[in-house]
Amino acid sequence: MILYTMMPQELIFPEDANAWNKIKMLNVKGVPVLAEQLDEGYRITRILSSNPFDYLNPELAPGNVIRHFGP
């Protein structure tokens, strides 16, 4: 089977049945991101912005842990 998607294979075919329950869509400084819920906050997994400058912002880099989010 071939899927043409930009989503990682782990999100489409999660090994853990509850993997989707940990992923949330958040606005971090006005930028939509997908983030994984952790005990100490959220870890950014993907930026969902159409603005190319958002991808250059080091605060929004995938892997960063955020404790507060919002506009």
PDB file of N, CA and C in Angstrom:
ATOM      1  N   MET A   1       0.838  -1.164   0.000  1.00  0.00           N
ATOM      2  CA  MET A   1       0.000   0.000   0.000  1.00  0.00           C
ATOM      3  C   MET A   1       0.891   1.238   0.000  1.00  0.00           C
ATOM      4  N   ILE A   2       0.563   2.223  -0.826  1.00  0.00           N
ATOM      5  CA  ILE A   2       1.304   3.475  -0.902  1.00  0.00           C
ATOM      6  C   ILE A   2       0.386   4.603  -0.453  1.00  0.00           C
ATOM      7  N   LEU A   3       0.872   5.393   0.481  1.00  0.00           N
ATOM      8  CA  LEU A   3       0.143   6.563   0.940  1.00  0.00           C
ATOM      9  C   LEU A   3       0.942   7.807   0.573  1.00  0.00           C
ATOM     10  N   TYR A   4       0.293   8.751  -0.057  1.00  0.00           N
ATOM     11  CA  TYR A   4       0.937  10.011  -0.398  1.00  0.00           C
ATOM     12  C   TYR A   4       0.528  11.030   0.660  1.00  0.00           C
ATOM     13  N   THR A   5       1.337  11.157   1.680  1.00  0.00           N
ATOM     14  CA  THR A   5       1.025  12.046   2.795  1.00  0.00           C
ATOM     15  C   THR A   5       2.316  12.572   3.398  1.00  0.00           C
ATOM     16  N   MET A   6       2.218  13.731   4.029  1.00  0.00           N
ATOM     17  CA  MET A   6       3.376  14.284   4.723  1.00  0.00           C
ATOM     18  C   MET A   6       3.403  13.870   6.198  1.00  0.00           C
ATOM     19  N   MET A   7       2.373  13.148   6.636  1.00  0.00           N
ATOM     20  CA  MET A   7       2.307  12.697   8.026  1.00  0.00           C
ATOM     21  C   MET A   7       3.276  11.537   8.223  1.00  0.00           C
ATOM     22  N   PRO A   8       3.970  11.498   9.356  1.00  0.00           N
ATOM     23  CA  PRO A   8       4.894  10.385   9.597  1.00  0.00           C
ATOM     24  C   PRO A   8       4.145   9.068   9.767  1.00  0.00           C
ATOM     25  N   GLN A   9       4.809   8.008   9.409  1.00  0.00           N
ATOM     26  CA  GLN A   9       4.212   6.679   9.459  1.00  0.00           C
ATOM     27  C   GLN A   9       3.758   6.318  10.874  1.00  0.00           C
ATOM     28  N   GLU A  10       4.465   6.813  11.899  1.00  0.00           N
ATOM     29  CA  GLU A  10       4.104   6.499  13.279  1.00  0.00           C
ATOM     30  C   GLU A  10       2.733   7.051  13.653  1.00  0.00           C
ATOM     31  N   LEU A  11       2.323   8.168  13.033  1.00  0.00           N
ATOM     32  CA  LEU A  11       1.007   8.731  13.329  1.00  0.00           C
ATOM     33  C   LEU A  11      -0.100   8.015  12.564  1.00  0.00           C
ATOM     34  N   ILE A  12       0.202   7.525  11.387  1.00  0.00           N
ATOM     35  CA  ILE A  12      -0.805   6.835  10.586  1.00  0.00           C
ATOM     36  C   ILE A  12      -1.017   5.413  11.100  1.00  0.00           C
ATOM     37  N   PHE A  13       0.073   4.749  11.415  1.00  0.00           N
ATOM     38  CA  PHE A  13       0.020   3.380  11.916  1.00  0.00           C
ATOM     39  C   PHE A  13       0.674   3.312  13.296  1.00  0.00           C
ATOM     40  N   PRO A  14       0.027   3.842  14.312  1.00  0.00           N
ATOM     41  CA  PRO A  14       0.672   3.850  15.637  1.00  0.00           C
ATOM     42  C   PRO A  14       0.759   2.443  16.222  1.00  0.00           C
ATOM     43  N   GLU A  15       1.897   2.159  16.853  1.00  0.00           N
ATOM     44  CA  GLU A  15       2.045   0.879  17.547  1.00  0.00           C
ATOM     45  C   GLU A  15       1.209   0.875  18.814  1.00  0.00           C
ATOM     46  N   ASP A  16       1.117   2.026  19.436  1.00  0.00           N
ATOM     47  CA  ASP A  16       0.322   2.177  20.651  1.00  0.00           C
ATOM     48  C   ASP A  16      -1.066   2.666  20.252  1.00  0.00           C
ATOM     49  N   ALA A  17      -2.092   1.985  20.681  1.00  0.00           N
ATOM     50  CA  ALA A  17      -3.458   2.368  20.305  1.00  0.00           C
ATOM     51  C   ALA A  17      -3.846   3.731  20.845  1.00  0.00           C
ATOM     52  N   ASN A  18      -3.186   4.182  21.904  1.00  0.00           N
ATOM     53  CA  ASN A  18      -3.510   5.483  22.493  1.00  0.00           C
ATOM     54  C   ASN A  18      -2.587   6.595  22.020  1.00  0.00           C
ATOM     55  N   ALA A  19      -1.813   6.369  20.968  1.00  0.00           N
ATOM     56  CA  ALA A  19      -0.864   7.376  20.502  1.00  0.00           C
ATOM     57  C   ALA A  19      -1.565   8.662  20.067  1.00  0.00           C
ATOM     58  N   TRP A  20      -2.731   8.545  19.442  1.00  0.00           N
ATOM     59  CA  TRP A  20      -3.440   9.750  18.993  1.00  0.00           C
ATOM     60  C   TRP A  20      -3.968  10.558  20.168  1.00  0.00           C
ATOM     61  N   ASN A  21      -4.195   9.926  21.313  1.00  0.00           N
ATOM     62  CA  ASN A  21      -4.692  10.654  22.474  1.00  0.00           C
ATOM     63  C   ASN A  21      -3.649  11.595  23.047  1.00  0.00           C
ATOM     64  N   LYS A  22      -2.379  11.355  22.756  1.00  0.00           N
ATOM     65  CA  LYS A  22      -1.303  12.198  23.270  1.00  0.00           C
ATOM     66  C   LYS A  22      -0.995  13.373  22.348  1.00  0.00           C
ATOM     67  N   ILE A  23      -1.469  13.341  21.101  1.00  0.00           N
ATOM     68  CA  ILE A  23      -1.179  14.393  20.132  1.00  0.00           C
ATOM     69  C   ILE A  23      -2.295  15.434  20.168  1.00  0.00           C
ATOM     70  N   LYS A  24      -1.896  16.695  20.312  1.00  0.00           N
ATOM     71  CA  LYS A  24      -2.858  17.797  20.358  1.00  0.00           C
ATOM     72  C   LYS A  24      -2.461  18.847  19.333  1.00  0.00           C
ATOM     73  N   MET A  25      -3.455  19.552  18.807  1.00  0.00           N
ATOM     74  CA  MET A  25      -3.182  20.700  17.952  1.00  0.00           C
ATOM     75  C   MET A  25      -3.256  21.940  18.836  1.00  0.00           C
ATOM     76  N   LEU A  26      -2.164  22.701  18.884  1.00  0.00           N
ATOM     77  CA  LEU A  26      -2.065  23.875  19.733  1.00  0.00           C
ATOM     78  C   LEU A  26      -1.685  25.090  18.917  1.00  0.00           C
ATOM     79  N   ASN A  27      -1.939  26.268  19.458  1.00  0.00           N
ATOM     80  CA  ASN A  27      -1.426  27.515  18.909  1.00  0.00           C
ATOM     81  C   ASN A  27      -0.312  27.995  19.824  1.00  0.00           C
ATOM     82  N   VAL A  28       0.891  28.048  19.284  1.00  0.00           N
ATOM     83  CA  VAL A  28       2.047  28.523  20.030  1.00  0.00           C
ATOM     84  C   VAL A  28       2.451  29.850  19.412  1.00  0.00           C
ATOM     85  N   LYS A  29       2.238  30.928  20.152  1.00  0.00           N
ATOM     86  CA  LYS A  29       2.522  32.279  19.670  1.00  0.00           C
ATOM     87  C   LYS A  29       1.803  32.546  18.355  1.00  0.00           C
ATOM     88  N   GLY A  30       0.580  32.051  18.237  1.00  0.00           N
ATOM     89  CA  GLY A  30      -0.231  32.281  17.049  1.00  0.00           C
ATOM     90  C   GLY A  30       0.044  31.344  15.890  1.00  0.00           C
ATOM     91  N   VAL A  31       0.903  30.366  16.081  1.00  0.00           N
ATOM     92  CA  VAL A  31       1.275  29.433  15.017  1.00  0.00           C
ATOM     93  C   VAL A  31       0.691  28.059  15.353  1.00  0.00           C
ATOM     94  N   PRO A  32      -0.075  27.447  14.445  1.00  0.00           N
ATOM     95  CA  PRO A  32      -0.621  26.121  14.726  1.00  0.00           C
ATOM     96  C   PRO A  32       0.467  25.043  14.641  1.00  0.00           C
ATOM     97  N   VAL A  33       0.501  24.188  15.651  1.00  0.00           N
ATOM     98  CA  VAL A  33       1.475  23.093  15.701  1.00  0.00           C
ATOM     99  C   VAL A  33       0.793  21.832  16.214  1.00  0.00           C
ATOM    100  N   LEU A  34       1.370  20.681  15.899  1.00  0.00           N
ATOM    101  CA  LEU A  34       0.990  19.427  16.534  1.00  0.00           C
ATOM    102  C   LEU A  34       2.000  19.186  17.641  1.00  0.00           C
ATOM    103  N   ALA A  35       1.507  18.800  18.815  1.00  0.00           N
ATOM    104  CA  ALA A  35       2.399  18.593  19.948  1.00  0.00           C
ATOM    105  C   ALA A  35       1.984  17.352  20.714  1.00  0.00           C
ATOM    106  N   GLU A  36       2.985  16.669  21.239  1.00  0.00           N
ATOM    107  CA  GLU A  36       2.769  15.465  22.036  1.00  0.00           C
ATOM    108  C   GLU A  36       2.713  15.864  23.504  1.00  0.00           C
ATOM    109  N   GLN A  37       1.688  15.412  24.206  1.00  0.00           N
ATOM    110  CA  GLN A  37       1.537  15.755  25.603  1.00  0.00           C
ATOM    111  C   GLN A  37       2.526  14.970  26.453  1.00  0.00           C
ATOM    112  N   LEU A  38       3.251  15.693  27.311  1.00  0.00           N
ATOM    113  CA  LEU A  38       4.195  15.103  28.249  1.00  0.00           C
ATOM    114  C   LEU A  38       3.753  15.462  29.661  1.00  0.00           C
ATOM    115  N   ASP A  39       4.442  14.930  30.654  1.00  0.00           N
ATOM    116  CA  ASP A  39       4.125  15.286  32.033  1.00  0.00           C
ATOM    117  C   ASP A  39       4.447  16.746  32.329  1.00  0.00           C
ATOM    118  N   GLU A  40       5.536  17.260  31.739  1.00  0.00           N
ATOM    119  CA  GLU A  40       5.977  18.620  32.033  1.00  0.00           C
ATOM    120  C   GLU A  40       5.519  19.658  31.015  1.00  0.00           C
ATOM    121  N   GLY A  41       4.697  19.294  30.045  1.00  0.00           N
ATOM    122  CA  GLY A  41       4.210  20.244  29.036  1.00  0.00           C
ATOM    123  C   GLY A  41       3.900  19.529  27.737  1.00  0.00           C
ATOM    124  N   TYR A  42       4.327  20.136  26.630  1.00  0.00           N
ATOM    125  CA  TYR A  42       4.092  19.577  25.304  1.00  0.00           C
ATOM    126  C   TYR A  42       5.380  19.632  24.499  1.00  0.00           C
ATOM    127  N   ARG A  43       5.631  18.590  23.694  1.00  0.00           N
ATOM    128  CA  ARG A  43       6.776  18.567  22.782  1.00  0.00           C
ATOM    129  C   ARG A  43       6.248  18.789  21.375  1.00  0.00           C
ATOM    130  N   ILE A  44       6.763  19.809  20.708  1.00  0.00           N
ATOM    131  CA  ILE A  44       6.343  20.113  19.340  1.00  0.00           C
ATOM    132  C   ILE A  44       6.805  18.988  18.423  1.00  0.00           C
ATOM    133  N   THR A  45       5.868  18.457  17.628  1.00  0.00           N
ATOM    134  CA  THR A  45       6.221  17.401  16.682  1.00  0.00           C
ATOM    135  C   THR A  45       6.138  17.884  15.234  1.00  0.00           C
ATOM    136  N   ARG A  46       5.296  18.889  14.975  1.00  0.00           N
ATOM    137  CA  ARG A  46       5.119  19.349  13.600  1.00  0.00           C
ATOM    138  C   ARG A  46       4.543  20.752  13.591  1.00  0.00           C
ATOM    139  N   ILE A  47       5.042  21.599  12.689  1.00  0.00           N
ATOM    140  CA  ILE A  47       4.494  22.941  12.478  1.00  0.00           C
ATOM    141  C   ILE A  47       3.472  22.841  11.354  1.00  0.00           C
ATOM    142  N   LEU A  48       2.312  23.452  11.539  1.00  0.00           N
ATOM    143  CA  LEU A  48       1.240  23.379  10.545  1.00  0.00           C
ATOM    144  C   LEU A  48       0.978  24.726   9.878  1.00  0.00           C
ATOM    145  N   SER A  49       1.952  25.587   9.845  1.00  0.00           N
ATOM    146  CA  SER A  49       1.797  26.937   9.312  1.00  0.00           C
ATOM    147  C   SER A  49       2.105  26.975   7.819  1.00  0.00           C
ATOM    148  N   SER A  50       1.470  27.921   7.135  1.00  0.00           N
ATOM    149  CA  SER A  50       1.790  28.152   5.724  1.00  0.00           C
ATOM    150  C   SER A  50       2.791  29.291   5.559  1.00  0.00           C
ATOM    151  N   ASN A  51       3.190  29.909   6.657  1.00  0.00           N
ATOM    152  CA  ASN A  51       4.160  31.001   6.623  1.00  0.00           C
ATOM    153  C   ASN A  51       5.569  30.416   6.736  1.00  0.00           C
ATOM    154  N   PRO A  52       6.410  30.586   5.725  1.00  0.00           N
ATOM    155  CA  PRO A  52       7.743  29.984   5.770  1.00  0.00           C
ATOM    156  C   PRO A  52       8.615  30.543   6.887  1.00  0.00           C
ATOM    157  N   PHE A  53       8.357  31.751   7.355  1.00  0.00           N
ATOM    158  CA  PHE A  53       9.164  32.324   8.426  1.00  0.00           C
ATOM    159  C   PHE A  53       8.920  31.624   9.767  1.00  0.00           C
ATOM    160  N   ASP A  54       7.755  30.999   9.930  1.00  0.00           N
ATOM    161  CA  ASP A  54       7.491  30.252  11.161  1.00  0.00           C
ATOM    162  C   ASP A  54       8.430  29.063  11.294  1.00  0.00           C
ATOM    163  N   TYR A  55       8.860  28.492  10.186  1.00  0.00           N
ATOM    164  CA  TYR A  55       9.763  27.343  10.215  1.00  0.00           C
ATOM    165  C   TYR A  55      11.188  27.759  10.592  1.00  0.00           C
ATOM    166  N   LEU A  56      11.494  29.039  10.494  1.00  0.00           N
ATOM    167  CA  LEU A  56      12.821  29.540  10.855  1.00  0.00           C
ATOM    168  C   LEU A  56      12.893  29.959  12.321  1.00  0.00           C
ATOM    169  N   ASN A  57      11.767  29.981  13.016  1.00  0.00           N
ATOM    170  CA  ASN A  57      11.725  30.382  14.418  1.00  0.00           C
ATOM    171  C   ASN A  57      12.236  29.233  15.280  1.00  0.00           C
ATOM    172  N   PRO A  58      13.366  29.418  15.973  1.00  0.00           N
ATOM    173  CA  PRO A  58      13.921  28.313  16.772  1.00  0.00           C
ATOM    174  C   PRO A  58      13.027  27.907  17.943  1.00  0.00           C
ATOM    175  N   GLU A  59      12.144  28.785  18.412  1.00  0.00           N
ATOM    176  CA  GLU A  59      11.234  28.439  19.507  1.00  0.00           C
ATOM    177  C   GLU A  59      10.175  27.425  19.069  1.00  0.00           C
ATOM    178  N   LEU A  60       9.927  27.321  17.755  1.00  0.00           N
ATOM    179  CA  LEU A  60       8.908  26.428  17.227  1.00  0.00           C
ATOM    180  C   LEU A  60       9.492  25.155  16.618  1.00  0.00           C
ATOM    181  N   ALA A  61      10.778  24.942  16.799  1.00  0.00           N
ATOM    182  CA  ALA A  61      11.435  23.784  16.192  1.00  0.00           C
ATOM    183  C   ALA A  61      10.881  22.483  16.777  1.00  0.00           C
ATOM    184  N   PRO A  62      10.621  21.492  15.938  1.00  0.00           N
ATOM    185  CA  PRO A  62      10.179  20.195  16.452  1.00  0.00           C
ATOM    186  C   PRO A  62      11.173  19.630  17.463  1.00  0.00           C
ATOM    187  N   GLY A  63      10.633  19.100  18.540  1.00  0.00           N
ATOM    188  CA  GLY A  63      11.461  18.575  19.621  1.00  0.00           C
ATOM    189  C   GLY A  63      11.506  19.505  20.822  1.00  0.00           C
ATOM    190  N   ASN A  64      11.205  20.788  20.613  1.00  0.00           N
ATOM    191  CA  ASN A  64      11.185  21.723  21.738  1.00  0.00           C
ATOM    192  C   ASN A  64      10.023  21.417  22.660  1.00  0.00           C
ATOM    193  N   VAL A  65      10.278  21.518  23.956  1.00  0.00           N
ATOM    194  CA  VAL A  65       9.233  21.324  24.964  1.00  0.00           C
ATOM    195  C   VAL A  65       8.723  22.684  25.384  1.00  0.00           C
ATOM    196  N   ILE A  66       7.399  22.850  25.340  1.00  0.00           N
ATOM    197  CA  ILE A  66       6.790  24.103  25.751  1.00  0.00           C
ATOM    198  C   ILE A  66       5.937  23.848  26.983  1.00  0.00           C
ATOM    199  N   ARG A  67       5.956  24.810  27.870  1.00  0.00           N
ATOM    200  CA  ARG A  67       5.163  24.681  29.089  1.00  0.00           C
ATOM    201  C   ARG A  67       3.965  25.593  29.065  1.00  0.00           C
ATOM    202  N   HIS A  68       4.048  26.688  28.332  1.00  0.00           N
ATOM    203  CA  HIS A  68       2.937  27.630  28.190  1.00  0.00           C
ATOM    204  C   HIS A  68       2.737  27.869  26.705  1.00  0.00           C
ATOM    205  N   PHE A  69       1.501  27.948  26.295  1.00  0.00           N
ATOM    206  CA  PHE A  69       1.219  28.223  24.893  1.00  0.00           C
ATOM    207  C   PHE A  69       0.056  29.169  24.805  1.00  0.00           C
ATOM    208  N   GLY A  70      -0.068  29.803  23.661  1.00  0.00           N
ATOM    209  CA  GLY A  70      -1.145  30.760  23.431  1.00  0.00           C
ATOM    210  C   GLY A  70      -0.662  31.884  22.538  1.00  0.00           C
ATOM    211  N   PRO A  71      -1.509  32.875  22.303  1.00  0.00           N
ATOM    212  CA  PRO A  71      -1.126  33.974  21.392  1.00  0.00           C
ATOM    213  C   PRO A  71      -0.058  34.859  21.950  1.00  0.00           C
TER     214      PRO A  71
END
